């Protein structure tokens, strides 16, 4: 990935986060949403936006539907904020990395607890 693409990914992530926090009026977007990463295509015309939200499965589906409905608004706002030739088309995807990490940590704690129970006192 080129340096320019990395900078654009970072800039888009910041701007989309700001727009969602300050400008979005859709009630589906009122949940605490986090833009985890943005991946722009090599021709800079398309951007995959990965988001994370803590909530029920219904809230997650509502969030993605709200983001897809707001993609035109977000793209228009980005075009005014950024000095780039083409404002990329935005596609939104749910990022469940944080949930998976939480499950892995929980499993590690369970294994550690069961190992501690099986050790006899004084053993290390």
Protein backbone atom coordinates (compact mmCIF):
# COMPACT_ATOMS: atom_id res chain seq x y z
CA UNK A 1 0.00 0.00 0.00
CA UNK A 2 1.39 3.37 -0.95
CA UNK A 3 1.96 6.16 1.50
CA UNK A 4 -0.71 8.26 -0.23
CA UNK A 5 -3.30 5.50 0.15
CA UNK A 6 -2.43 5.08 3.83
CA UNK A 7 -2.81 8.81 4.44
CA UNK A 8 -6.15 8.86 2.61
CA UNK A 9 -7.39 5.84 4.62
CA UNK A 10 -6.49 7.61 7.85
CA UNK A 11 -8.01 10.92 6.76
CA UNK A 12 -11.26 9.30 5.61
CA UNK A 13 -11.51 7.39 8.91
CA UNK A 14 -11.14 10.63 10.87
CA UNK A 15 -13.59 12.60 8.74
CA UNK A 16 -16.26 9.87 8.67
CA UNK A 17 -16.00 9.49 12.44
CA UNK A 18 -16.43 13.24 12.87
CA UNK A 19 -19.40 13.34 10.49
CA UNK A 20 -21.13 10.46 12.28
CA UNK A 21 -20.65 12.08 15.68
CA UNK A 22 -21.62 15.63 14.73
CA UNK A 23 -23.72 15.71 11.57
CA UNK A 24 -25.69 12.46 11.26
CA UNK A 25 -29.39 12.89 12.04
CA UNK A 26 -30.59 9.30 11.40
CA UNK A 27 -31.73 7.69 14.70
CA UNK A 28 -30.18 4.38 13.58
CA UNK A 29 -26.80 6.11 13.76
CA UNK A 30 -27.31 7.39 17.32
CA UNK A 31 -25.71 4.25 18.80
CA UNK A 32 -22.07 4.41 19.80
CA UNK A 33 -20.37 3.55 16.52
CA UNK A 34 -16.65 3.33 15.94
CA UNK A 35 -15.01 3.48 12.52
CA UNK A 36 -12.27 0.89 12.96
CA UNK A 37 -10.59 1.25 9.57
CA UNK A 38 -11.02 2.42 6.00
CA UNK A 39 -9.55 0.70 2.96
CA UNK A 40 -9.42 2.69 -0.28
CA UNK A 41 -9.08 0.91 -3.64
CA UNK A 42 -5.91 1.41 -5.67
CA UNK A 43 -7.70 3.78 -8.07
CA UNK A 44 -9.05 5.77 -5.06
CA UNK A 45 -12.64 5.56 -6.30
CA UNK A 46 -14.02 3.11 -3.74
CA UNK A 47 -13.63 2.90 0.02
CA UNK A 48 -14.57 0.06 2.32
CA UNK A 49 -15.48 1.47 5.72
CA UNK A 50 -15.37 -0.96 8.64
CA UNK A 51 -17.44 -0.09 11.70
CA UNK A 52 -17.89 -1.60 15.13
CA UNK A 53 -20.74 -1.18 17.56
CA UNK A 54 -21.57 -2.78 20.87
CA UNK A 55 -25.20 -3.83 20.87
CA UNK A 56 -27.75 -6.38 19.84
CA UNK A 57 -27.82 -8.02 16.43
CA UNK A 58 -30.84 -5.87 15.56
CA UNK A 59 -28.94 -2.67 16.41
CA UNK A 60 -26.02 -3.79 14.25
CA UNK A 61 -28.27 -4.44 11.26
CA UNK A 62 -30.01 -1.10 11.81
CA UNK A 63 -26.64 0.64 11.95
CA UNK A 64 -25.50 -0.83 8.64
CA UNK A 65 -28.82 0.05 7.02
CA UNK A 66 -28.54 3.61 8.37
CA UNK A 67 -24.97 3.95 7.12
CA UNK A 68 -25.90 2.71 3.67
CA UNK A 69 -28.79 5.17 3.57
CA UNK A 70 -26.47 7.99 4.68
CA UNK A 71 -23.63 7.10 2.30
CA UNK A 72 -24.66 9.77 -0.24
CA UNK A 73 -24.80 12.43 2.47
CA UNK A 74 -21.42 11.31 3.87
CA UNK A 75 -19.83 11.29 0.43
CA UNK A 76 -21.14 14.78 -0.34
CA UNK A 77 -19.85 16.11 2.98
CA UNK A 78 -16.47 14.45 2.43
CA UNK A 79 -16.17 16.07 -1.00
CA UNK A 80 -16.50 19.47 0.67
CA UNK A 81 -13.97 18.66 3.37
CA UNK A 82 -11.28 16.92 1.32
CA UNK A 83 -9.13 18.24 -1.50
CA UNK A 84 -9.07 15.18 -3.71
CA UNK A 85 -10.08 14.72 -7.32
CA UNK A 86 -12.60 11.92 -6.70
CA UNK A 87 -14.47 11.34 -3.48
CA UNK A 88 -14.65 7.56 -3.15
CA UNK A 89 -17.92 5.65 -3.08
CA UNK A 90 -18.44 4.35 0.44
CA UNK A 91 -19.35 0.76 1.30
CA UNK A 92 -19.94 -0.13 4.93
CA UNK A 93 -19.09 -3.42 6.62
CA UNK A 94 -19.42 -4.62 10.18
CA UNK A 95 -16.10 -5.32 11.92
CA UNK A 96 -16.43 -7.90 14.68
CA UNK A 97 -12.75 -7.95 15.63
CA UNK A 98 -13.42 -6.49 19.10
CA UNK A 99 -16.05 -9.14 19.86
CA UNK A 100 -13.73 -11.91 18.72
CA UNK A 101 -10.91 -10.49 20.86
CA UNK A 102 -13.23 -10.40 23.85
CA UNK A 103 -14.16 -14.05 23.33
CA UNK A 104 -10.50 -15.05 23.05
CA UNK A 105 -9.65 -13.21 26.28
CA UNK A 106 -12.56 -14.90 28.02
CA UNK A 107 -11.32 -18.32 26.88
CA UNK A 108 -7.79 -17.54 28.08
CA UNK A 109 -9.14 -16.54 31.48
CA UNK A 110 -11.16 -19.76 31.69
CA UNK A 111 -8.11 -21.86 30.87
CA UNK A 112 -5.98 -19.95 33.39
CA UNK A 113 -8.62 -20.40 36.08
CA UNK A 114 -8.96 -24.13 35.41
CA UNK A 115 -5.16 -24.56 35.48
CA UNK A 116 -4.96 -22.70 38.78
CA UNK A 117 -7.61 -25.02 40.24
CA UNK A 118 -5.79 -28.17 39.13
CA UNK A 119 -2.45 -27.09 40.64
CA UNK A 120 -1.90 -28.26 44.18
CA UNK A 121 -1.01 -25.69 46.84
CA UNK A 122 2.69 -24.88 46.78
CA UNK A 123 3.15 -25.92 43.12
CA UNK A 124 4.21 -23.31 40.58
